[in-house]
Amino acid sequence: MKDAALHALRWETLHDPVDGGRLFTSERVILSRYIDSLDTSPIDLRTLRQFKTLVVVAAPTNPEAYGLAPIDVAGEIIRARAALGTLRPTILTRDETGAPVTLAALGQALRGGVDVLYLVAHGQFLEGRPYLCLEQQDGTAVWVDGEQVV
């Protein structure tokens, strides 16, 4: 669809085909036809091959201590590569790097800039807060508050 055709649509009148509700008039949906910016420099669109992709699989050595199933790291990597198609990810796993998937290791891997993060880890909500199960230096499980990850 060309830009002119999209701009001609009255977004605020579009309805959900399932429940008939309006799509773009909810306070939970933010929609803007234009992004206000003083920066008029051209946007450099990259090809998919240029995207920086990071696959992280946290598989602690003691999942049974928390009643968790072991994570099949090799299988998860195969599934991640299949899902990412032509993207060539950097892999962060204890099996791949020899180092545990700690919060610090995850942070370091993300500092270089990542377009796509594919994260496999056990998680849970406790008292309304999200937690991820990463690894300590010895490879055993450690629960990390989701806000620390973000």
N, C-alpha and C. Protein backbone atom coordinates (compact mmCIF):
# COMPACT_ATOMS: atom_id res chain seq x y z
N MET A 1 0.85 -1.17 0.00
CA MET A 1 0.00 0.00 0.00
C MET A 1 0.90 1.24 0.00
N LYS A 2 0.59 2.20 -0.82
CA LYS A 2 1.38 3.43 -0.90
C LYS A 2 1.09 4.33 0.29
N ASP A 3 2.05 5.24 0.58
CA ASP A 3 1.90 6.17 1.70
C ASP A 3 0.61 6.97 1.63
N ALA A 4 0.28 7.46 0.44
CA ALA A 4 -0.92 8.29 0.30
C ALA A 4 -2.17 7.50 0.70
N ALA A 5 -2.21 6.24 0.32
CA ALA A 5 -3.37 5.41 0.66
C ALA A 5 -3.45 5.19 2.17
N LEU A 6 -2.30 5.00 2.82
CA LEU A 6 -2.29 4.83 4.28
C LEU A 6 -2.71 6.10 4.98
N HIS A 7 -2.22 7.25 4.50
CA HIS A 7 -2.58 8.52 5.13
C HIS A 7 -4.06 8.85 4.95
N ALA A 8 -4.67 8.32 3.90
CA ALA A 8 -6.09 8.58 3.66
C ALA A 8 -6.99 7.79 4.61
N LEU A 9 -6.46 6.72 5.19
CA LEU A 9 -7.26 5.93 6.14
C LEU A 9 -7.58 6.75 7.38
N ARG A 10 -8.77 6.61 7.87
CA ARG A 10 -9.16 7.26 9.13
C ARG A 10 -8.95 6.23 10.24
N TRP A 11 -7.73 6.22 10.78
CA TRP A 11 -7.33 5.21 11.75
C TRP A 11 -8.29 5.14 12.94
N GLU A 12 -8.76 6.28 13.36
CA GLU A 12 -9.62 6.31 14.55
C GLU A 12 -10.98 5.65 14.31
N THR A 13 -11.31 5.33 13.07
CA THR A 13 -12.59 4.68 12.78
C THR A 13 -12.45 3.17 12.51
N LEU A 14 -11.24 2.65 12.51
CA LEU A 14 -11.03 1.23 12.23
C LEU A 14 -11.51 0.38 13.41
N HIS A 15 -12.11 -0.77 13.09
CA HIS A 15 -12.68 -1.66 14.10
C HIS A 15 -12.00 -3.03 14.08
N ASP A 16 -11.97 -3.67 15.23
CA ASP A 16 -11.47 -5.03 15.36
C ASP A 16 -12.48 -5.96 14.70
N PRO A 17 -12.05 -6.82 13.76
CA PRO A 17 -13.01 -7.69 13.08
C PRO A 17 -13.61 -8.76 13.99
N VAL A 18 -12.97 -9.04 15.12
CA VAL A 18 -13.48 -10.08 16.02
C VAL A 18 -14.54 -9.54 16.97
N ASP A 19 -14.19 -8.48 17.71
CA ASP A 19 -15.14 -7.99 18.72
C ASP A 19 -15.83 -6.68 18.34
N GLY A 20 -15.45 -6.10 17.20
CA GLY A 20 -16.12 -4.89 16.74
C GLY A 20 -15.67 -3.62 17.44
N GLY A 21 -14.80 -3.74 18.43
CA GLY A 21 -14.31 -2.56 19.15
C GLY A 21 -13.38 -1.72 18.29
N ARG A 22 -13.31 -0.44 18.62
CA ARG A 22 -12.41 0.44 17.87
C ARG A 22 -10.96 0.11 18.21
N LEU A 23 -10.11 0.15 17.19
CA LEU A 23 -8.72 -0.25 17.37
C LEU A 23 -7.84 0.83 17.99
N PHE A 24 -8.04 2.07 17.61
CA PHE A 24 -7.06 3.09 17.96
C PHE A 24 -7.61 4.24 18.79
N THR A 25 -8.62 3.99 19.60
CA THR A 25 -9.13 5.06 20.46
C THR A 25 -8.99 4.71 21.93
N SER A 26 -8.30 3.64 22.22
CA SER A 26 -8.09 3.25 23.62
C SER A 26 -6.94 4.04 24.21
N GLU A 27 -7.04 4.36 25.48
CA GLU A 27 -5.93 5.05 26.15
C GLU A 27 -4.71 4.14 26.28
N ARG A 28 -4.89 2.84 26.02
CA ARG A 28 -3.77 1.89 26.09
C ARG A 28 -3.04 1.76 24.76
N VAL A 29 -3.56 2.38 23.70
CA VAL A 29 -2.93 2.30 22.38
C VAL A 29 -2.50 3.70 21.98
N ILE A 30 -1.23 3.83 21.67
CA ILE A 30 -0.70 5.12 21.22
C ILE A 30 -0.45 5.01 19.73
N LEU A 31 -1.03 5.91 18.98
CA LEU A 31 -0.87 5.91 17.53
C LEU A 31 -0.55 7.32 17.08
N SER A 32 0.42 7.43 16.22
CA SER A 32 0.78 8.74 15.68
C SER A 32 1.00 8.60 14.18
N ARG A 33 0.39 9.49 13.43
CA ARG A 33 0.62 9.49 11.99
C ARG A 33 2.01 10.04 11.67
N TYR A 34 2.45 10.95 12.48
CA TYR A 34 3.74 11.61 12.25
C TYR A 34 4.53 11.62 13.55
N ILE A 35 5.82 11.51 13.44
CA ILE A 35 6.68 11.63 14.61
C ILE A 35 7.32 13.00 14.55
N ASP A 36 7.08 13.79 15.58
CA ASP A 36 7.60 15.15 15.64
C ASP A 36 9.07 15.12 16.00
N SER A 37 9.91 15.65 15.12
CA SER A 37 11.34 15.68 15.38
C SER A 37 11.98 16.82 14.61
N LEU A 38 12.95 17.46 15.22
CA LEU A 38 13.72 18.50 14.54
C LEU A 38 14.82 17.89 13.69
N ASP A 39 15.09 16.61 13.87
CA ASP A 39 16.13 15.93 13.12
C ASP A 39 15.57 15.49 11.77
N THR A 40 16.02 16.12 10.71
CA THR A 40 15.53 15.79 9.37
C THR A 40 16.54 14.99 8.57
N SER A 41 17.57 14.49 9.24
CA SER A 41 18.57 13.70 8.51
C SER A 41 17.93 12.40 8.04
N PRO A 42 18.41 11.89 6.90
CA PRO A 42 17.81 10.66 6.38
C PRO A 42 18.05 9.48 7.32
N ILE A 43 17.11 8.57 7.30
CA ILE A 43 17.21 7.36 8.11
C ILE A 43 17.92 6.30 7.28
N ASP A 44 18.94 5.71 7.86
CA ASP A 44 19.69 4.67 7.17
C ASP A 44 19.07 3.32 7.49
N LEU A 45 18.32 2.79 6.55
CA LEU A 45 17.70 1.48 6.75
C LEU A 45 18.72 0.39 6.47
N ARG A 46 18.85 -0.51 7.41
CA ARG A 46 19.80 -1.60 7.25
C ARG A 46 19.09 -2.84 6.73
N THR A 47 19.87 -3.69 6.11
CA THR A 47 19.31 -4.96 5.68
C THR A 47 19.24 -5.89 6.89
N LEU A 48 18.46 -6.94 6.77
CA LEU A 48 18.34 -7.89 7.87
C LEU A 48 19.70 -8.46 8.26
N ARG A 49 20.57 -8.68 7.30
CA ARG A 49 21.89 -9.24 7.61
C ARG A 49 22.72 -8.30 8.47
N GLN A 50 22.39 -7.02 8.48
CA GLN A 50 23.13 -6.05 9.28
C GLN A 50 22.60 -5.94 10.70
N PHE A 51 21.47 -6.56 10.98
CA PHE A 51 20.91 -6.51 12.34
C PHE A 51 21.84 -7.27 13.29
N LYS A 52 22.07 -6.68 14.45
CA LYS A 52 22.83 -7.36 15.50
C LYS A 52 21.85 -8.18 16.32
N THR A 53 22.07 -9.47 16.34
CA THR A 53 21.17 -10.39 17.01
C THR A 53 21.93 -11.16 18.08
N LEU A 54 21.33 -11.26 19.25
CA LEU A 54 21.95 -11.97 20.37
C LEU A 54 21.00 -13.05 20.86
N VAL A 55 21.49 -14.28 20.90
CA VAL A 55 20.74 -15.40 21.46
C VAL A 55 21.39 -15.77 22.78
N VAL A 56 20.60 -15.75 23.85
CA VAL A 56 21.09 -16.05 25.19
C VAL A 56 20.28 -17.23 25.73
N VAL A 57 20.99 -18.25 26.21
CA VAL A 57 20.32 -19.39 26.84
C VAL A 57 20.94 -19.58 28.22
N ALA A 58 20.16 -19.27 29.24
CA ALA A 58 20.60 -19.46 30.63
C ALA A 58 20.13 -20.83 31.09
N ALA A 59 21.07 -21.72 31.35
CA ALA A 59 20.73 -23.09 31.74
C ALA A 59 21.54 -23.46 32.98
N PRO A 60 21.07 -23.06 34.15
CA PRO A 60 21.81 -23.36 35.38
C PRO A 60 22.04 -24.87 35.55
N THR A 61 23.10 -25.19 36.27
CA THR A 61 23.47 -26.59 36.47
C THR A 61 22.60 -27.30 37.50
N ASN A 62 21.82 -26.55 38.26
CA ASN A 62 21.01 -27.16 39.33
C ASN A 62 19.52 -26.80 39.23
N PRO A 63 18.88 -27.01 38.10
CA PRO A 63 17.47 -26.62 37.98
C PRO A 63 16.57 -27.36 38.97
N GLU A 64 16.94 -28.59 39.30
CA GLU A 64 16.10 -29.39 40.20
C GLU A 64 16.00 -28.77 41.59
N ALA A 65 16.96 -27.95 41.97
CA ALA A 65 16.92 -27.29 43.29
C ALA A 65 15.72 -26.35 43.39
N TYR A 66 15.20 -25.92 42.26
CA TYR A 66 14.05 -25.02 42.24
C TYR A 66 12.83 -25.66 41.58
N GLY A 67 12.90 -26.97 41.35
CA GLY A 67 11.77 -27.66 40.72
C GLY A 67 11.62 -27.32 39.25
N LEU A 68 12.72 -26.96 38.60
CA LEU A 68 12.68 -26.57 37.20
C LEU A 68 13.16 -27.70 36.30
N ALA A 69 12.69 -27.71 35.08
CA ALA A 69 13.16 -28.68 34.09
C ALA A 69 14.50 -28.20 33.54
N PRO A 70 15.39 -29.14 33.22
CA PRO A 70 16.64 -28.74 32.58
C PRO A 70 16.35 -28.12 31.21
N ILE A 71 17.19 -27.19 30.81
CA ILE A 71 17.03 -26.55 29.50
C ILE A 71 17.98 -27.23 28.51
N ASP A 72 17.43 -27.64 27.38
CA ASP A 72 18.20 -28.27 26.31
C ASP A 72 18.87 -27.17 25.50
N VAL A 73 20.10 -26.81 25.88
CA VAL A 73 20.78 -25.68 25.26
C VAL A 73 20.95 -25.88 23.76
N ALA A 74 21.45 -27.03 23.34
CA ALA A 74 21.66 -27.29 21.92
C ALA A 74 20.35 -27.19 21.15
N GLY A 75 19.29 -27.76 21.70
CA GLY A 75 17.98 -27.69 21.05
C GLY A 75 17.46 -26.27 20.96
N GLU A 76 17.67 -25.49 22.02
CA GLU A 76 17.22 -24.09 22.01
C GLU A 76 17.98 -23.28 20.96
N ILE A 77 19.26 -23.55 20.80
CA ILE A 77 20.05 -22.84 19.79
C ILE A 77 19.54 -23.19 18.39
N ILE A 78 19.25 -24.46 18.17
CA ILE A 78 18.70 -24.88 16.87
C ILE A 78 17.38 -24.16 16.61
N ARG A 79 16.50 -24.11 17.61
CA ARG A 79 15.20 -23.44 17.44
C ARG A 79 15.39 -21.94 17.20
N ALA A 80 16.32 -21.34 17.91
CA ALA A 80 16.57 -19.90 17.74
C ALA A 80 17.06 -19.61 16.33
N ARG A 81 18.03 -20.39 15.86
CA ARG A 81 18.56 -20.17 14.50
C ARG A 81 17.44 -20.34 13.46
N ALA A 82 16.58 -21.33 13.66
CA ALA A 82 15.47 -21.55 12.72
C ALA A 82 14.51 -20.37 12.75
N ALA A 83 14.21 -19.86 13.94
CA ALA A 83 13.28 -18.74 14.07
C ALA A 83 13.86 -17.45 13.49
N LEU A 84 15.16 -17.27 13.60
CA LEU A 84 15.79 -16.04 13.14
C LEU A 84 16.13 -16.05 11.66
N GLY A 85 15.97 -17.19 11.02
CA GLY A 85 16.16 -17.26 9.58
C GLY A 85 17.56 -16.84 9.15
N THR A 86 17.63 -15.80 8.32
CA THR A 86 18.92 -15.37 7.76
C THR A 86 19.75 -14.52 8.72
N LEU A 87 19.18 -14.14 9.85
CA LEU A 87 19.96 -13.37 10.82
C LEU A 87 21.05 -14.26 11.41
N ARG A 88 22.22 -13.68 11.62
CA ARG A 88 23.35 -14.44 12.16
C ARG A 88 23.62 -13.98 13.59
N PRO A 89 23.12 -14.72 14.55
CA PRO A 89 23.22 -14.26 15.94
C PRO A 89 24.58 -14.54 16.58
N THR A 90 24.88 -13.72 17.56
CA THR A 90 25.94 -14.02 18.51
C THR A 90 25.28 -14.91 19.57
N ILE A 91 25.97 -15.95 19.99
CA ILE A 91 25.41 -16.90 20.94
C ILE A 91 26.07 -16.71 22.30
N LEU A 92 25.26 -16.57 23.34
CA LEU A 92 25.77 -16.46 24.70
C LEU A 92 25.17 -17.60 25.53
N THR A 93 25.97 -18.64 25.70
CA THR A 93 25.60 -19.76 26.57
C THR A 93 26.88 -20.24 27.26
N ARG A 94 26.72 -20.91 28.36
CA ARG A 94 27.89 -21.47 29.05
C ARG A 94 28.57 -22.49 28.14
N ASP A 95 27.78 -23.28 27.40
CA ASP A 95 28.35 -24.29 26.50
C ASP A 95 29.19 -23.64 25.39
N GLU A 96 28.72 -22.50 24.88
CA GLU A 96 29.37 -21.84 23.75
C GLU A 96 30.60 -21.03 24.17
N THR A 97 30.49 -20.32 25.29
CA THR A 97 31.56 -19.39 25.69
C THR A 97 32.44 -19.94 26.81
N GLY A 98 31.96 -20.94 27.51
CA GLY A 98 32.70 -21.46 28.65
C GLY A 98 32.48 -20.64 29.92
N ALA A 99 31.76 -19.55 29.79
CA ALA A 99 31.48 -18.68 30.94
C ALA A 99 29.99 -18.73 31.25
N PRO A 100 29.62 -18.58 32.52
CA PRO A 100 28.20 -18.62 32.88
C PRO A 100 27.43 -17.41 32.35
N VAL A 101 26.13 -17.61 32.18
CA VAL A 101 25.25 -16.52 31.73
C VAL A 101 24.79 -15.77 32.98
N THR A 102 25.65 -14.87 33.42
CA THR A 102 25.35 -14.04 34.59
C THR A 102 24.67 -12.75 34.14
N LEU A 103 24.13 -12.01 35.09
CA LEU A 103 23.56 -10.70 34.76
C LEU A 103 24.63 -9.80 34.17
N ALA A 104 25.84 -9.86 34.72
CA ALA A 104 26.94 -9.03 34.20
C ALA A 104 27.30 -9.42 32.77
N ALA A 105 27.34 -10.72 32.47
CA ALA A 105 27.65 -11.18 31.12
C ALA A 105 26.57 -10.75 30.13
N LEU A 106 25.32 -10.83 30.55
CA LEU A 106 24.21 -10.39 29.70
C LEU A 106 24.32 -8.90 29.44
N GLY A 107 24.57 -8.13 30.49
CA GLY A 107 24.71 -6.68 30.34
C GLY A 107 25.85 -6.32 29.40
N GLN A 108 26.98 -6.99 29.54
CA GLN A 108 28.13 -6.73 28.68
C GLN A 108 27.80 -7.03 27.22
N ALA A 109 27.11 -8.13 26.98
CA ALA A 109 26.74 -8.51 25.61
C ALA A 109 25.77 -7.50 25.00
N LEU A 110 24.92 -6.89 25.82
CA LEU A 110 23.94 -5.93 25.31
C LEU A 110 24.53 -4.53 25.11
N ARG A 111 25.61 -4.21 25.82
CA ARG A 111 26.18 -2.86 25.74
C ARG A 111 26.65 -2.48 24.35
N GLY A 112 27.04 -3.46 23.56
CA GLY A 112 27.50 -3.17 22.21
C GLY A 112 26.38 -2.80 21.26
N GLY A 113 25.16 -2.87 21.73
CA GLY A 113 24.01 -2.57 20.88
C GLY A 113 23.49 -3.82 20.21
N VAL A 114 22.24 -4.12 20.43
CA VAL A 114 21.61 -5.32 19.87
C VAL A 114 20.24 -4.91 19.34
N ASP A 115 19.92 -5.38 18.14
CA ASP A 115 18.61 -5.10 17.55
C ASP A 115 17.58 -6.14 17.98
N VAL A 116 18.01 -7.39 18.10
CA VAL A 116 17.11 -8.48 18.46
C VAL A 116 17.74 -9.28 19.59
N LEU A 117 17.02 -9.41 20.70
CA LEU A 117 17.45 -10.26 21.80
C LEU A 117 16.51 -11.45 21.87
N TYR A 118 17.06 -12.65 21.75
CA TYR A 118 16.31 -13.91 21.86
C TYR A 118 16.80 -14.55 23.14
N LEU A 119 15.99 -14.52 24.18
CA LEU A 119 16.39 -14.97 25.50
C LEU A 119 15.61 -16.21 25.92
N VAL A 120 16.33 -17.25 26.31
CA VAL A 120 15.71 -18.46 26.85
C VAL A 120 16.17 -18.60 28.29
N ALA A 121 15.23 -18.58 29.21
CA ALA A 121 15.54 -18.73 30.64
C ALA A 121 14.24 -19.06 31.36
N HIS A 122 14.36 -19.71 32.50
CA HIS A 122 13.19 -19.91 33.34
C HIS A 122 12.83 -18.56 33.96
N GLY A 123 11.56 -18.37 34.22
CA GLY A 123 11.11 -17.13 34.84
C GLY A 123 9.93 -17.39 35.76
N GLN A 124 9.65 -16.41 36.59
CA GLN A 124 8.49 -16.52 37.48
C GLN A 124 8.08 -15.13 37.94
N PHE A 125 6.84 -15.05 38.39
CA PHE A 125 6.33 -13.84 39.02
C PHE A 125 6.18 -14.13 40.51
N LEU A 126 6.75 -13.28 41.33
CA LEU A 126 6.59 -13.37 42.78
C LEU A 126 6.08 -12.04 43.28
N GLU A 127 4.92 -12.07 43.91
CA GLU A 127 4.31 -10.85 44.44
C GLU A 127 4.24 -9.75 43.37
N GLY A 128 3.87 -10.15 42.16
CA GLY A 128 3.68 -9.20 41.08
C GLY A 128 4.95 -8.71 40.41
N ARG A 129 6.09 -9.28 40.76
CA ARG A 129 7.36 -8.85 40.17
C ARG A 129 7.93 -9.99 39.33
N PRO A 130 8.50 -9.65 38.15
CA PRO A 130 9.09 -10.69 37.30
C PRO A 130 10.53 -11.01 37.72
N TYR A 131 10.87 -12.28 37.62
CA TYR A 131 12.24 -12.73 37.92
C TYR A 131 12.69 -13.69 36.82
N LEU A 132 13.96 -13.59 36.45
CA LEU A 132 14.57 -14.52 35.51
C LEU A 132 15.60 -15.36 36.24
N CYS A 133 15.71 -16.61 35.84
CA CYS A 133 16.70 -17.51 36.42
C CYS A 133 17.93 -17.51 35.53
N LEU A 134 18.97 -16.81 35.97
CA LEU A 134 20.24 -16.77 35.25
C LEU A 134 21.23 -17.67 35.97
N GLU A 135 22.50 -17.48 35.72
CA GLU A 135 23.53 -18.33 36.31
C GLU A 135 24.48 -17.50 37.18
N GLN A 136 24.97 -18.13 38.24
CA GLN A 136 26.02 -17.53 39.05
C GLN A 136 27.38 -17.94 38.44
N GLN A 137 28.46 -17.43 39.00
CA GLN A 137 29.79 -17.75 38.48
C GLN A 137 30.07 -19.25 38.44
N ASP A 138 29.51 -19.99 39.39
CA ASP A 138 29.73 -21.45 39.42
C ASP A 138 28.72 -22.22 38.56
N GLY A 139 27.86 -21.50 37.84
CA GLY A 139 26.89 -22.13 36.95
C GLY A 139 25.55 -22.45 37.59
N THR A 140 25.45 -22.32 38.91
CA THR A 140 24.19 -22.61 39.58
C THR A 140 23.21 -21.45 39.39
N ALA A 141 21.96 -21.74 39.69
CA ALA A 141 20.87 -20.79 39.46
C ALA A 141 20.92 -19.60 40.41
N VAL A 142 20.53 -18.45 39.87
CA VAL A 142 20.31 -17.26 40.68
C VAL A 142 19.10 -16.54 40.08
N TRP A 143 18.18 -16.13 40.95
CA TRP A 143 16.98 -15.41 40.50
C TRP A 143 17.29 -13.93 40.47
N VAL A 144 17.06 -13.31 39.31
CA VAL A 144 17.37 -11.89 39.11
C VAL A 144 16.07 -11.14 38.87
N ASP A 145 15.87 -10.06 39.59
CA ASP A 145 14.70 -9.21 39.41
C ASP A 145 14.66 -8.71 37.97
N GLY A 146 13.52 -8.82 37.32
CA GLY A 146 13.37 -8.39 35.94
C GLY A 146 13.75 -6.94 35.72
N GLU A 147 13.54 -6.09 36.72
CA GLU A 147 13.91 -4.69 36.57
C GLU A 147 15.42 -4.52 36.45
N GLN A 148 16.19 -5.40 37.06
CA GLN A 148 17.65 -5.35 36.91
C GLN A 148 18.05 -5.70 35.48
N VAL A 149 17.30 -6.59 34.87
CA VAL A 149 17.61 -7.01 33.50
C VAL A 149 17.32 -5.87 32.54
N VAL A 150 16.20 -5.20 32.75
CA VAL A 150 15.83 -4.10 31.86
C VAL A 150 16.78 -2.95 32.08
